[in-house]
Amino acid sequence: MVARRSDLTACYADELRRDPAIDGVVVVDLGRQVGVAADSTGSSTLTACVERVLAPLAGSAVASVPIRFELVAPGSAGTGTTPADAAKSE
């Protein structure tokens, strides 16, 4: 997941251009295939991008991974418009 973080961030950045208020959690099931198990963002474009980015991980592990996409106000102590540390769950 760490290696895919910048690609996931790019998925979110692209979707923010379409919908500047989008945020939420996408839960991805990793197994023989990669699929979205749950989505609170409501964006099929974002979930399709997430699946595309994580597809190379199919077969490498079996896990459900929540990825948080959240807005953080400029100048705040947050991490910005990046996915939550899904890599910490590895």
Protein backbone atom coordinates (compact mmCIF):
# COMPACT_ATOMS: atom_id res chain seq x y z
CA MET A 1 0.00 0.00 0.00
CA VAL A 2 2.87 2.38 0.72
CA ALA A 3 4.06 2.14 -2.88
CA ARG A 4 0.58 3.05 -4.12
CA ARG A 5 0.03 6.03 -1.81
CA SER A 6 0.96 8.70 -4.38
CA ASP A 7 -1.32 7.07 -6.96
CA LEU A 8 -4.21 7.01 -4.45
CA THR A 9 -3.52 10.66 -3.67
CA ALA A 10 -3.70 11.41 -7.39
CA CYS A 11 -7.09 9.64 -7.59
CA TYR A 12 -8.37 11.89 -4.82
CA ALA A 13 -6.85 15.05 -6.31
CA ASP A 14 -8.53 14.32 -9.65
CA GLU A 15 -11.88 13.79 -7.95
CA LEU A 16 -11.47 16.99 -5.90
CA ARG A 17 -11.32 18.90 -9.18
CA ARG A 18 -14.76 17.52 -10.02
CA ASP A 19 -16.20 17.77 -6.50
CA PRO A 20 -14.28 20.09 -4.14
CA ALA A 21 -16.24 18.86 -1.09
CA ILE A 22 -15.73 15.11 -1.54
CA ASP A 23 -14.42 13.08 1.35
CA GLY A 24 -15.10 9.74 2.98
CA VAL A 25 -13.83 6.20 3.26
CA VAL A 26 -13.38 3.54 0.61
CA VAL A 27 -12.96 0.01 1.95
CA VAL A 28 -11.06 -2.21 -0.45
CA ASP A 29 -11.07 -5.98 -0.29
CA LEU A 30 -7.76 -7.46 -1.37
CA GLY A 31 -7.71 -11.10 -2.37
CA ARG A 32 -7.57 -12.94 -5.67
CA GLN A 33 -9.20 -9.81 -7.03
CA VAL A 34 -9.38 -6.23 -5.78
CA GLY A 35 -12.84 -4.82 -5.15
CA VAL A 36 -14.54 -2.03 -3.27
CA ALA A 37 -16.50 -3.44 -0.34
CA ALA A 38 -17.86 -0.12 0.95
CA ASP A 39 -17.79 3.50 -0.13
CA SER A 40 -18.96 6.59 1.76
CA THR A 41 -17.66 9.05 -0.86
CA GLY A 42 -20.44 8.32 -3.34
CA SER A 43 -18.01 8.68 -6.24
CA SER A 44 -17.88 5.84 -8.74
CA THR A 45 -15.02 7.68 -10.47
CA LEU A 46 -12.92 7.66 -7.29
CA THR A 47 -13.67 4.02 -6.48
CA ALA A 48 -12.83 2.96 -10.05
CA CYS A 49 -9.50 4.79 -9.81
CA VAL A 50 -8.75 3.15 -6.43
CA GLU A 51 -9.51 -0.29 -7.87
CA ARG A 52 -7.31 0.41 -10.90
CA VAL A 53 -4.41 1.59 -8.71
CA LEU A 54 -4.62 -1.40 -6.36
CA ALA A 55 -5.30 -4.05 -9.03
CA PRO A 56 -1.61 -5.05 -9.19
CA LEU A 57 -1.88 -6.12 -5.53
CA ALA A 58 -4.46 -8.80 -6.34
CA GLY A 59 -3.33 -12.15 -5.01
CA SER A 60 -0.64 -10.65 -2.78
CA ALA A 61 -2.70 -10.63 0.42
CA VAL A 62 -6.16 -11.16 1.80
CA ALA A 63 -7.39 -8.14 3.72
CA SER A 64 -10.02 -5.43 3.90
CA VAL A 65 -8.32 -2.05 3.90
CA PRO A 66 -10.11 1.20 4.75
CA ILE A 67 -8.71 4.21 2.92
CA ARG A 68 -9.79 7.60 4.23
CA PHE A 69 -9.95 10.52 1.83
CA GLU A 70 -10.47 13.72 3.79
CA LEU A 71 -10.26 17.43 3.31
CA VAL A 72 -7.94 19.32 5.59
CA ALA A 73 -8.04 23.08 5.80
CA PRO A 74 -4.91 24.87 4.55
CA GLY A 75 -2.52 25.59 7.40
CA SER A 76 -4.01 22.94 9.67
CA ALA A 77 -1.92 20.23 11.30
CA GLY A 78 -3.42 17.52 9.08
CA THR A 79 -1.81 15.60 6.27
CA GLY A 80 -3.60 17.41 3.46
CA THR A 81 -5.60 15.75 0.74
CA THR A 82 -3.96 12.37 1.01
CA PRO A 83 -5.40 8.96 1.79
CA ALA A 84 -5.26 7.95 5.41
CA ASP A 85 -2.33 5.84 6.39
CA ALA A 86 -3.68 2.63 4.92
CA ALA A 87 -0.09 1.48 4.87
CA LYS A 88 -0.12 1.33 8.66
CA SER A 89 -2.51 -1.61 8.42
CA GLU A 90 0.12 -3.66 6.61
